[in-house]
Amino acid sequence: MVRSMTGYGRGETILEGLTVTVELRAVNNRYLDCTVKLPRAYIFAESSLKERVQSRVGRGKVDLFVNMTHALGNDMTVTVNETLAKGYVDALHKLYELGDGSVRREYYPTDLARFPDVLAVEKREEDPETVKALMLKALDLALDDFDAMREREGEKLTQDVTARAATISALLSQVEERSPDIVADYRARLTAKLQEVLGSTQIDESRILTEAAIYADKVAVDEETVRLRSHLAQLDEMLRQGGAVGRKLDFLIQEFNREANTIGSKCNDIETARIVVDIKAEIEKIREQVQNIE
C-alpha cells in the first residue's frame, strides 16, 4: 500500500509508576531526517529510537518527542544517614549528662529527623535497559498509529493520481485520433498553395505525396504516445505494488514530461497543442501529489 510522508502518531506505556509517552510527526522531505527530543537524563536511548524509526519509515522529516512522567514520589527514595544520626544521639546523651536535670532524657525519631542531613531524599536508580525497552514499546505503538494515518492519506493520493492518469490516457487517445487529420490537412493546404501559385498548370501529384510523407514522418508521435502509455502502465503497477515508491515515481514523472514535451514540439497543430497543454497540466498535478508519497 502506498503511504503518505505526512502523518502523526502517539503511543504510551506505563511500568511501575513510570509513564512513557512518545509522539511523532512527519512532513515531506527528499530523504529520511529523524530528530529525537527527549529528557537529557535519557539521552542513552536516542540511537535506538532512531534505528527503530529508520526500520519503519522510508523518507520524510520526522520529529520524535519522548516525555517521561513518574507517579508522585515514585522516582524518589528517602535514606537515613545512620552515622550522623548516632552522632546526634551521642550528643544528646552528653547534653543530658551535663544538664542539671531540666533536660529531658527521652527523645523520639521525629526529634532526630529535624537535625540537618539525617534524612536524605534521592532519585531512585533506574535500569537503563528496562527504560529503553519501555520507550521502544511506546514508539512501536506510535509508529502503528502513524502508519495507519499515512496509509489512509496514501489511499487518497492513489485515487487522485489514478484518476489523473486515466485523464491523460483519454487525452492521448485524442492525440492519436487527431494525428492522421494533421497530415490530411497539411496535404490539402499544400495542394491549395500550389494551385494558387501555379494557376492552371498541372500539379505533380507524386510531389505532393512525397512532401506529405516527409511531413507525416516529421510530425509522427506514435513512438511518444506508445512510450507514454507504457509509463502510465508502469505508474499503475507501482501504485498497486505499494511500499516506498515515491522516489521512483519522481523519476517516472520526469519521463512523462519528456514525452509530452516531444509530442508538443512535433505537432504543428493548434488542436493537438491544446490537448498537450491539458496533458502537461495533469502531469504537473500528479507530480505535486507524488511529492507527498513515501
C-alpha atoms as a PDB file:
ATOM      1  CA  MET A   1       0.000   0.000   0.000  1.00  0.00           C
ATOM      2  CA  VAL A   2       1.177   3.494  -0.862  1.00  0.00           C
ATOM      3  CA  ARG A   3       1.769   5.715   2.171  1.00  0.00           C
ATOM      4  CA  SER A   4       1.947   9.453   2.544  1.00  0.00           C
ATOM      5  CA  MET A   5       5.050  11.030   4.056  1.00  0.00           C
ATOM      6  CA  THR A   6       2.969  13.286   6.302  1.00  0.00           C
ATOM      7  CA  GLY A   7       1.350  11.959   9.465  1.00  0.00           C
ATOM      8  CA  TYR A   8       1.121  11.894  13.248  1.00  0.00           C
ATOM      9  CA  GLY A   9       1.261   9.080  15.788  1.00  0.00           C
ATOM     10  CA  ARG A  10       1.136   8.668  19.562  1.00  0.00           C
ATOM     11  CA  GLY A  11       1.959   5.796  21.903  1.00  0.00           C
ATOM     12  CA  GLU A  12       2.059   5.390  25.686  1.00  0.00           C
ATOM     13  CA  THR A  13       3.325   2.711  28.077  1.00  0.00           C
ATOM     14  CA  ILE A  14       3.337   2.513  31.894  1.00  0.00           C
ATOM     15  CA  LEU A  15       5.550   0.453  34.213  1.00  0.00           C
ATOM     16  CA  GLU A  16       5.846   0.762  37.996  1.00  0.00           C
ATOM     17  CA  GLY A  17       4.633   4.337  38.081  1.00  0.00           C
ATOM     18  CA  LEU A  18       6.743   5.457  35.090  1.00  0.00           C
ATOM     19  CA  THR A  19       4.687   6.662  32.109  1.00  0.00           C
ATOM     20  CA  VAL A  20       6.427   6.986  28.743  1.00  0.00           C
ATOM     21  CA  THR A  21       4.637   8.980  26.045  1.00  0.00           C
ATOM     22  CA  VAL A  22       6.006   9.071  22.500  1.00  0.00           C
ATOM     23  CA  GLU A  23       4.679  11.362  19.775  1.00  0.00           C
ATOM     24  CA  LEU A  24       5.973  11.674  16.249  1.00  0.00           C
ATOM     25  CA  ARG A  25       5.022  13.796  13.304  1.00  0.00           C
ATOM     26  CA  ALA A  26       6.412  13.892   9.779  1.00  0.00           C
ATOM     27  CA  VAL A  27       6.347  16.172   6.770  1.00  0.00           C
ATOM     28  CA  ASN A  28       7.683  15.816   3.242  1.00  0.00           C
ATOM     29  CA  ASN A  29      11.407  15.512   2.702  1.00  0.00           C
ATOM     30  CA  ARG A  30      13.568  14.078  -0.051  1.00  0.00           C
ATOM     31  CA  TYR A  31      15.351  11.734   2.364  1.00  0.00           C
ATOM     32  CA  LEU A  32      14.743  10.433   5.892  1.00  0.00           C
ATOM     33  CA  ASP A  33      15.690  13.001   8.517  1.00  0.00           C
ATOM     34  CA  CYS A  34      14.821  11.962  12.076  1.00  0.00           C
ATOM     35  CA  THR A  35      15.181  14.262  15.096  1.00  0.00           C
ATOM     36  CA  VAL A  36      14.684  12.865  18.613  1.00  0.00           C
ATOM     37  CA  LYS A  37      13.831  15.110  21.543  1.00  0.00           C
ATOM     38  CA  LEU A  38      13.861  13.532  24.996  1.00  0.00           C
ATOM     39  CA  PRO A  39      14.935  14.428  28.572  1.00  0.00           C
ATOM     40  CA  ARG A  40      18.701  14.759  28.972  1.00  0.00           C
ATOM     41  CA  ALA A  41      18.827  12.001  31.592  1.00  0.00           C
ATOM     42  CA  TYR A  42      17.605   9.505  28.967  1.00  0.00           C
ATOM     43  CA  ILE A  43      19.850  10.523  26.080  1.00  0.00           C
ATOM     44  CA  PHE A  44      21.318   6.996  26.107  1.00  0.00           C
ATOM     45  CA  ALA A  45      18.217   5.763  24.228  1.00  0.00           C
ATOM     46  CA  GLU A  46      18.438   8.224  21.323  1.00  0.00           C
ATOM     47  CA  SER A  47      20.286   5.996  18.845  1.00  0.00           C
ATOM     48  CA  SER A  48      17.974   3.020  19.497  1.00  0.00           C
ATOM     49  CA  LEU A  49      14.907   5.182  18.926  1.00  0.00           C
ATOM     50  CA  LYS A  50      16.337   6.495  15.650  1.00  0.00           C
ATOM     51  CA  GLU A  51      17.128   2.978  14.452  1.00  0.00           C
ATOM     52  CA  ARG A  52      13.559   1.875  15.168  1.00  0.00           C
ATOM     53  CA  VAL A  53      12.176   4.805  13.159  1.00  0.00           C
ATOM     54  CA  GLN A  54      14.551   4.036  10.274  1.00  0.00           C
ATOM     55  CA  SER A  55      13.309   0.440  10.190  1.00  0.00           C
ATOM     56  CA  ARG A  56       9.712   1.604   9.681  1.00  0.00           C
ATOM     57  CA  VAL A  57       9.932   4.878   7.739  1.00  0.00           C
ATOM     58  CA  GLY A  58      11.431   5.297   4.254  1.00  0.00           C
ATOM     59  CA  ARG A  59      11.724   9.063   3.939  1.00  0.00           C
ATOM     60  CA  GLY A  60      10.378  12.285   5.392  1.00  0.00           C
ATOM     61  CA  LYS A  61      11.268  14.862   8.051  1.00  0.00           C
ATOM     62  CA  VAL A  62      10.354  13.038  11.285  1.00  0.00           C
ATOM     63  CA  ASP A  63      10.257  14.764  14.677  1.00  0.00           C
ATOM     64  CA  LEU A  64      10.087  12.393  17.645  1.00  0.00           C
ATOM     65  CA  PHE A  65       9.126  13.621  21.121  1.00  0.00           C
ATOM     66  CA  VAL A  66       9.547  11.498  24.280  1.00  0.00           C
ATOM     67  CA  ASN A  67       8.017  12.514  27.601  1.00  0.00           C
ATOM     68  CA  MET A  68       8.770  10.695  30.898  1.00  0.00           C
ATOM     69  CA  THR A  69       6.389  11.107  33.840  1.00  0.00           C
ATOM     70  CA  HIS A  70       6.747   9.499  37.264  1.00  0.00           C
ATOM     71  CA  ALA A  71       3.898   8.973  39.704  1.00  0.00           C
ATOM     72  CA  LEU A  72       4.137  11.406  42.656  1.00  0.00           C
ATOM     73  CA  GLY A  73       7.217  10.429  44.646  1.00  0.00           C
ATOM     74  CA  ASN A  74       7.642   7.165  42.776  1.00  0.00           C
ATOM     75  CA  ASP A  75      11.083   8.081  41.465  1.00  0.00           C
ATOM     76  CA  MET A  76      12.453   9.250  44.859  1.00  0.00           C
ATOM     77  CA  THR A  77      13.813   7.352  47.877  1.00  0.00           C
ATOM     78  CA  VAL A  78      14.425   8.537  51.460  1.00  0.00           C
ATOM     79  CA  THR A  79      17.604   7.307  53.178  1.00  0.00           C
ATOM     80  CA  VAL A  80      18.889   7.677  56.763  1.00  0.00           C
ATOM     81  CA  ASN A  81      22.431   8.800  57.477  1.00  0.00           C
ATOM     82  CA  GLU A  82      22.909   6.329  60.292  1.00  0.00           C
ATOM     83  CA  THR A  83      26.388   7.516  61.262  1.00  0.00           C
ATOM     84  CA  LEU A  84      25.214  11.096  61.602  1.00  0.00           C
ATOM     85  CA  ALA A  85      22.062  10.055  63.484  1.00  0.00           C
ATOM     86  CA  LYS A  86      24.126   8.093  66.027  1.00  0.00           C
ATOM     87  CA  GLY A  87      26.371  11.102  66.433  1.00  0.00           C
ATOM     88  CA  TYR A  88      23.338  13.245  67.256  1.00  0.00           C
ATOM     89  CA  VAL A  89      22.149  10.608  69.779  1.00  0.00           C
ATOM     90  CA  ASP A  90      25.548  10.603  71.479  1.00  0.00           C
ATOM     91  CA  ALA A  91      25.488  14.379  71.589  1.00  0.00           C
ATOM     92  CA  LEU A  92      22.022  14.350  73.212  1.00  0.00           C
ATOM     93  CA  HIS A  93      23.270  11.917  75.877  1.00  0.00           C
ATOM     94  CA  LYS A  94      26.189  14.193  76.532  1.00  0.00           C
ATOM     95  CA  LEU A  95      23.862  17.168  76.925  1.00  0.00           C
ATOM     96  CA  TYR A  96      21.789  15.166  79.419  1.00  0.00           C
ATOM     97  CA  GLU A  97      24.853  14.305  81.473  1.00  0.00           C
ATOM     98  CA  LEU A  98      25.923  17.940  81.505  1.00  0.00           C
ATOM     99  CA  GLY A  99      22.465  19.193  82.383  1.00  0.00           C
ATOM    100  CA  ASP A 100      21.055  19.935  85.819  1.00  0.00           C
ATOM    101  CA  GLY A 101      18.042  17.643  85.413  1.00  0.00           C
ATOM    102  CA  SER A 102      15.919  20.068  83.479  1.00  0.00           C
ATOM    103  CA  VAL A 103      16.998  18.440  80.217  1.00  0.00           C
ATOM    104  CA  ARG A 104      14.700  15.523  79.420  1.00  0.00           C
ATOM    105  CA  ARG A 105      16.327  12.210  78.600  1.00  0.00           C
ATOM    106  CA  GLU A 106      13.551  10.913  76.309  1.00  0.00           C
ATOM    107  CA  TYR A 107      13.881  11.661  72.614  1.00  0.00           C
ATOM    108  CA  TYR A 108      11.908  10.486  69.574  1.00  0.00           C
ATOM    109  CA  PRO A 109      12.722   9.732  65.914  1.00  0.00           C
ATOM    110  CA  THR A 110      10.964  12.943  64.935  1.00  0.00           C
ATOM    111  CA  ASP A 111      13.471  14.814  67.095  1.00  0.00           C
ATOM    112  CA  LEU A 112      16.372  13.302  65.206  1.00  0.00           C
ATOM    113  CA  ALA A 113      14.663  13.868  61.838  1.00  0.00           C
ATOM    114  CA  ARG A 114      14.772  17.597  62.468  1.00  0.00           C
ATOM    115  CA  PHE A 115      18.549  17.665  62.566  1.00  0.00           C
ATOM    116  CA  PRO A 116      20.303  18.607  59.311  1.00  0.00           C
ATOM    117  CA  ASP A 117      21.265  15.831  56.881  1.00  0.00           C
ATOM    118  CA  VAL A 118      19.854  12.963  58.955  1.00  0.00           C
ATOM    119  CA  LEU A 119      17.338  12.232  56.219  1.00  0.00           C
ATOM    120  CA  ALA A 120      18.248  12.480  52.520  1.00  0.00           C
ATOM    121  CA  VAL A 121      15.884  12.392  49.539  1.00  0.00           C
ATOM    122  CA  GLU A 122      17.496  10.900  46.445  1.00  0.00           C
ATOM    123  CA  LYS A 123      16.384   9.992  42.930  1.00  0.00           C
ATOM    124  CA  ARG A 124      15.860   6.258  42.576  1.00  0.00           C
ATOM    125  CA  GLU A 125      18.249   4.454  40.257  1.00  0.00           C
ATOM    126  CA  GLU A 126      16.603   3.201  37.046  1.00  0.00           C
ATOM    127  CA  ASP A 127      17.748   0.302  34.894  1.00  0.00           C
ATOM    128  CA  PRO A 128      18.665   1.860  31.504  1.00  0.00           C
ATOM    129  CA  GLU A 129      17.768  -1.259  29.531  1.00  0.00           C
ATOM    130  CA  THR A 130      14.336  -1.501  31.143  1.00  0.00           C
ATOM    131  CA  VAL A 131      13.627   2.165  30.486  1.00  0.00           C
ATOM    132  CA  LYS A 132      14.856   1.882  26.883  1.00  0.00           C
ATOM    133  CA  ALA A 133      12.630  -1.150  26.271  1.00  0.00           C
ATOM    134  CA  LEU A 134       9.684   0.830  27.637  1.00  0.00           C
ATOM    135  CA  MET A 135      10.471   3.713  25.260  1.00  0.00           C
ATOM    136  CA  LEU A 136      10.722   1.395  22.266  1.00  0.00           C
ATOM    137  CA  LYS A 137       7.399  -0.223  23.135  1.00  0.00           C
ATOM    138  CA  ALA A 138       5.738   3.196  23.253  1.00  0.00           C
ATOM    139  CA  LEU A 139       7.461   4.120  19.989  1.00  0.00           C
ATOM    140  CA  ASP A 140       6.124   0.992  18.274  1.00  0.00           C
ATOM    141  CA  LEU A 141       2.594   1.966  19.314  1.00  0.00           C
ATOM    142  CA  ALA A 142       3.174   5.496  17.996  1.00  0.00           C
ATOM    143  CA  LEU A 143       4.532   4.115  14.701  1.00  0.00           C
ATOM    144  CA  ASP A 144       1.480   1.860  14.309  1.00  0.00           C
ATOM    145  CA  ASP A 145      -0.763   4.891  14.788  1.00  0.00           C
ATOM    146  CA  PHE A 146       1.453   6.916  12.447  1.00  0.00           C
ATOM    147  CA  ASP A 147       1.372   4.267   9.701  1.00  0.00           C
ATOM    148  CA  ALA A 148      -2.409   3.934   9.906  1.00  0.00           C
ATOM    149  CA  MET A 149      -2.780   7.661   9.281  1.00  0.00           C
ATOM    150  CA  ARG A 150      -0.231   7.613   6.446  1.00  0.00           C
ATOM    151  CA  GLU A 151      -1.986   4.676   4.775  1.00  0.00           C
ATOM    152  CA  ARG A 152      -5.328   6.469   4.863  1.00  0.00           C
ATOM    153  CA  GLU A 153      -3.746   9.521   3.261  1.00  0.00           C
ATOM    154  CA  GLY A 154      -1.864   7.292   0.805  1.00  0.00           C
ATOM    155  CA  GLU A 155      -5.141   5.751  -0.357  1.00  0.00           C
ATOM    156  CA  LYS A 156      -6.480   9.219  -1.174  1.00  0.00           C
ATOM    157  CA  LEU A 157      -3.285  10.080  -3.058  1.00  0.00           C
ATOM    158  CA  THR A 158      -3.514   6.831  -5.044  1.00  0.00           C
ATOM    159  CA  GLN A 159      -7.103   7.523  -6.044  1.00  0.00           C
ATOM    160  CA  ASP A 160      -6.261  11.039  -7.188  1.00  0.00           C
ATOM    161  CA  VAL A 161      -3.168  10.006  -9.171  1.00  0.00           C
ATOM    162  CA  THR A 162      -5.039   7.085 -10.778  1.00  0.00           C
ATOM    163  CA  ALA A 163      -7.882   9.370 -11.860  1.00  0.00           C
ATOM    164  CA  ARG A 164      -5.453  11.847 -13.403  1.00  0.00           C
ATOM    165  CA  ALA A 165      -3.588   9.044 -15.187  1.00  0.00           C
ATOM    166  CA  ALA A 166      -6.904   7.948 -16.710  1.00  0.00           C
ATOM    167  CA  THR A 167      -7.455  11.526 -17.907  1.00  0.00           C
ATOM    168  CA  ILE A 168      -4.020  11.539 -19.558  1.00  0.00           C
ATOM    169  CA  SER A 169      -4.817   8.237 -21.281  1.00  0.00           C
ATOM    170  CA  ALA A 170      -8.052   9.686 -22.679  1.00  0.00           C
ATOM    171  CA  LEU A 171      -6.215  12.796 -23.898  1.00  0.00           C
ATOM    172  CA  LEU A 172      -3.605  10.591 -25.585  1.00  0.00           C
ATOM    173  CA  SER A 173      -6.391   8.871 -27.474  1.00  0.00           C
ATOM    174  CA  GLN A 174      -7.449  12.269 -28.792  1.00  0.00           C
ATOM    175  CA  VAL A 175      -3.884  12.957 -29.948  1.00  0.00           C
ATOM    176  CA  GLU A 176      -3.746   9.578 -31.714  1.00  0.00           C
ATOM    177  CA  GLU A 177      -7.100  10.173 -33.384  1.00  0.00           C
ATOM    178  CA  ARG A 178      -6.050  13.656 -34.473  1.00  0.00           C
ATOM    179  CA  SER A 179      -2.686  12.579 -35.923  1.00  0.00           C
ATOM    180  CA  PRO A 180      -3.970  11.356 -39.385  1.00  0.00           C
ATOM    181  CA  ASP A 181      -6.036  14.522 -39.787  1.00  0.00           C
ATOM    182  CA  ILE A 182      -2.925  16.662 -39.305  1.00  0.00           C
ATOM    183  CA  VAL A 183      -1.300  15.073 -42.379  1.00  0.00           C
ATOM    184  CA  ALA A 184      -4.523  15.300 -44.397  1.00  0.00           C
ATOM    185  CA  ASP A 185      -4.865  18.979 -43.506  1.00  0.00           C
ATOM    186  CA  TYR A 186      -1.261  19.611 -44.490  1.00  0.00           C
ATOM    187  CA  ARG A 187      -1.764  17.859 -47.848  1.00  0.00           C
ATOM    188  CA  ALA A 188      -4.885  19.936 -48.533  1.00  0.00           C
ATOM    189  CA  ARG A 189      -3.076  23.176 -47.669  1.00  0.00           C
ATOM    190  CA  LEU A 190      -0.098  22.209 -49.804  1.00  0.00           C
ATOM    191  CA  THR A 191      -2.318  21.399 -52.806  1.00  0.00           C
ATOM    192  CA  ALA A 192      -4.226  24.667 -52.424  1.00  0.00           C
ATOM    193  CA  LYS A 193      -0.993  26.633 -52.186  1.00  0.00           C
ATOM    194  CA  LEU A 194       0.465  25.014 -55.304  1.00  0.00           C
ATOM    195  CA  GLN A 195      -2.743  25.620 -57.256  1.00  0.00           C
ATOM    196  CA  GLU A 196      -2.623  29.246 -56.193  1.00  0.00           C
ATOM    197  CA  VAL A 197       0.984  29.621 -57.301  1.00  0.00           C
ATOM    198  CA  LEU A 198       0.874  27.547 -60.478  1.00  0.00           C
ATOM    199  CA  GLY A 199      -2.616  28.528 -61.581  1.00  0.00           C
ATOM    200  CA  SER A 200      -3.829  26.234 -64.374  1.00  0.00           C
ATOM    201  CA  THR A 201      -0.544  24.389 -64.648  1.00  0.00           C
ATOM    202  CA  GLN A 202      -0.780  20.675 -63.980  1.00  0.00           C
ATOM    203  CA  ILE A 203       0.173  19.821 -60.366  1.00  0.00           C
ATOM    204  CA  ASP A 204       2.592  16.954 -59.830  1.00  0.00           C
ATOM    205  CA  GLU A 205       0.589  14.618 -57.584  1.00  0.00           C
ATOM    206  CA  SER A 206       3.621  12.474 -56.799  1.00  0.00           C
ATOM    207  CA  ARG A 207       5.466  15.521 -55.473  1.00  0.00           C
ATOM    208  CA  ILE A 208       2.552  16.314 -53.165  1.00  0.00           C
ATOM    209  CA  LEU A 209       2.531  12.725 -51.923  1.00  0.00           C
ATOM    210  CA  THR A 210       6.266  12.874 -51.282  1.00  0.00           C
ATOM    211  CA  GLU A 211       6.015  16.147 -49.367  1.00  0.00           C
ATOM    212  CA  ALA A 212       3.065  14.802 -47.368  1.00  0.00           C
ATOM    213  CA  ALA A 213       5.030  11.645 -46.493  1.00  0.00           C
ATOM    214  CA  ILE A 214       8.010  13.697 -45.333  1.00  0.00           C
ATOM    215  CA  TYR A 215       5.732  15.869 -43.225  1.00  0.00           C
ATOM    216  CA  ALA A 216       3.909  12.824 -41.811  1.00  0.00           C
ATOM    217  CA  ASP A 217       7.227  11.356 -40.699  1.00  0.00           C
ATOM    218  CA  LYS A 218       8.233  14.674 -39.162  1.00  0.00           C
ATOM    219  CA  VAL A 219       5.066  15.099 -37.083  1.00  0.00           C
ATOM    220  CA  ALA A 220       4.510  11.414 -36.231  1.00  0.00           C
ATOM    221  CA  VAL A 221       4.117  10.941 -32.473  1.00  0.00           C
ATOM    222  CA  ASP A 222       3.400   7.211 -32.429  1.00  0.00           C
ATOM    223  CA  GLU A 223       6.615   6.390 -30.579  1.00  0.00           C
ATOM    224  CA  GLU A 224       5.985   9.066 -27.961  1.00  0.00           C
ATOM    225  CA  THR A 225       2.377   8.054 -27.314  1.00  0.00           C
ATOM    226  CA  VAL A 226       3.389   4.394 -27.039  1.00  0.00           C
ATOM    227  CA  ARG A 227       6.115   5.247 -24.529  1.00  0.00           C
ATOM    228  CA  LEU A 228       3.790   7.499 -22.551  1.00  0.00           C
ATOM    229  CA  ARG A 229       1.200   4.724 -22.364  1.00  0.00           C
ATOM    230  CA  SER A 230       3.968   2.411 -21.183  1.00  0.00           C
ATOM    231  CA  HIS A 231       4.809   4.928 -18.454  1.00  0.00           C
ATOM    232  CA  LEU A 232       1.134   5.039 -17.454  1.00  0.00           C
ATOM    233  CA  ALA A 233       1.115   1.263 -17.096  1.00  0.00           C
ATOM    234  CA  GLN A 234       4.291   1.449 -15.010  1.00  0.00           C
ATOM    235  CA  LEU A 235       2.704   4.117 -12.810  1.00  0.00           C
ATOM    236  CA  ASP A 236      -0.300   1.882 -12.203  1.00  0.00           C
ATOM    237  CA  GLU A 237       1.963  -1.072 -11.364  1.00  0.00           C
ATOM    238  CA  MET A 238       3.977   0.978  -8.838  1.00  0.00           C
ATOM    239  CA  LEU A 239       0.826   2.222  -7.111  1.00  0.00           C
ATOM    240  CA  ARG A 240      -0.533  -1.319  -6.842  1.00  0.00           C
ATOM    241  CA  GLN A 241       2.837  -2.610  -5.645  1.00  0.00           C
ATOM    242  CA  GLY A 242       2.923  -0.020  -2.848  1.00  0.00           C
ATOM    243  CA  GLY A 243       5.757   0.462  -0.390  1.00  0.00           C
ATOM    244  CA  ALA A 244       8.326   3.242  -0.554  1.00  0.00           C
ATOM    245  CA  VAL A 245       7.866   4.041  -4.264  1.00  0.00           C
ATOM    246  CA  GLY A 246       7.835   7.832  -4.024  1.00  0.00           C
ATOM    247  CA  ARG A 247      11.378   8.347  -5.304  1.00  0.00           C
ATOM    248  CA  LYS A 248      10.814   6.002  -8.260  1.00  0.00           C
ATOM    249  CA  LEU A 249       7.621   7.859  -9.103  1.00  0.00           C
ATOM    250  CA  ASP A 250       9.587  11.131  -9.074  1.00  0.00           C
ATOM    251  CA  PHE A 251      11.834   9.826 -11.854  1.00  0.00           C
ATOM    252  CA  LEU A 252       8.919   8.315 -13.765  1.00  0.00           C
ATOM    253  CA  ILE A 253       7.048  11.634 -13.857  1.00  0.00           C
ATOM    254  CA  GLN A 254      10.136  13.235 -15.398  1.00  0.00           C
ATOM    255  CA  GLU A 255       9.757  10.747 -18.259  1.00  0.00           C
ATOM    256  CA  PHE A 256       6.076  11.716 -18.549  1.00  0.00           C
ATOM    257  CA  ASN A 257       7.107  15.328 -19.067  1.00  0.00           C
ATOM    258  CA  ARG A 258       9.791  14.420 -21.595  1.00  0.00           C
ATOM    259  CA  GLU A 259       7.345  12.550 -23.844  1.00  0.00           C
ATOM    260  CA  ALA A 260       4.658  15.221 -23.522  1.00  0.00           C
ATOM    261  CA  ASN A 261       7.142  17.938 -24.477  1.00  0.00           C
ATOM    262  CA  THR A 262       8.256  15.959 -27.535  1.00  0.00           C
ATOM    263  CA  ILE A 263       4.660  15.472 -28.671  1.00  0.00           C
ATOM    264  CA  GLY A 264       4.025  19.184 -28.267  1.00  0.00           C
ATOM    265  CA  SER A 265       7.117  20.151 -30.262  1.00  0.00           C
ATOM    266  CA  LYS A 266       6.327  17.743 -33.127  1.00  0.00           C
ATOM    267  CA  CYS A 267       2.651  18.532 -33.650  1.00  0.00           C
ATOM    268  CA  ASN A 268       2.355  21.779 -35.557  1.00  0.00           C
ATOM    269  CA  ASP A 269      -1.385  21.826 -34.932  1.00  0.00           C
ATOM    270  CA  ILE A 270      -3.465  24.113 -32.724  1.00  0.00           C
ATOM    271  CA  GLU A 271      -5.927  21.437 -31.612  1.00  0.00           C
ATOM    272  CA  THR A 272      -3.159  18.973 -30.703  1.00  0.00           C
ATOM    273  CA  ALA A 273      -1.257  21.730 -28.901  1.00  0.00           C
ATOM    274  CA  ARG A 274      -4.327  22.384 -26.768  1.00  0.00           C
ATOM    275  CA  ILE A 275      -4.569  18.688 -25.887  1.00  0.00           C
ATOM    276  CA  VAL A 276      -0.860  18.569 -24.993  1.00  0.00           C
ATOM    277  CA  VAL A 277      -1.321  21.544 -22.655  1.00  0.00           C
ATOM    278  CA  ASP A 278      -4.078  19.601 -20.879  1.00  0.00           C
ATOM    279  CA  ILE A 279      -1.821  16.526 -20.666  1.00  0.00           C
ATOM    280  CA  LYS A 280       1.028  18.557 -19.152  1.00  0.00           C
ATOM    281  CA  ALA A 281      -1.355  20.147 -16.647  1.00  0.00           C
ATOM    282  CA  GLU A 282      -2.421  16.681 -15.434  1.00  0.00           C
ATOM    283  CA  ILE A 283       1.209  15.532 -15.273  1.00  0.00           C
ATOM    284  CA  GLU A 284       2.066  18.535 -13.103  1.00  0.00           C
ATOM    285  CA  LYS A 285      -0.790  17.733 -10.728  1.00  0.00           C
ATOM    286  CA  ILE A 286       0.430  14.136 -10.483  1.00  0.00           C
ATOM    287  CA  ARG A 287       3.957  15.394  -9.796  1.00  0.00           C
ATOM    288  CA  GLU A 288       2.657  17.512  -6.907  1.00  0.00           C
ATOM    289  CA  GLN A 289       0.862  14.502  -5.422  1.00  0.00           C
ATOM    290  CA  VAL A 290       3.870  12.216  -5.871  1.00  0.00           C
ATOM    291  CA  GLN A 291       5.890  14.647  -3.728  1.00  0.00           C
ATOM    292  CA  ASN A 292       3.715  13.519  -0.794  1.00  0.00           C
ATOM    293  CA  ILE A 293       4.311   9.777  -1.293  1.00  0.00           C
ATOM    294  CA  GLU A 294       6.914   7.983   0.801  1.00  0.00           C
END
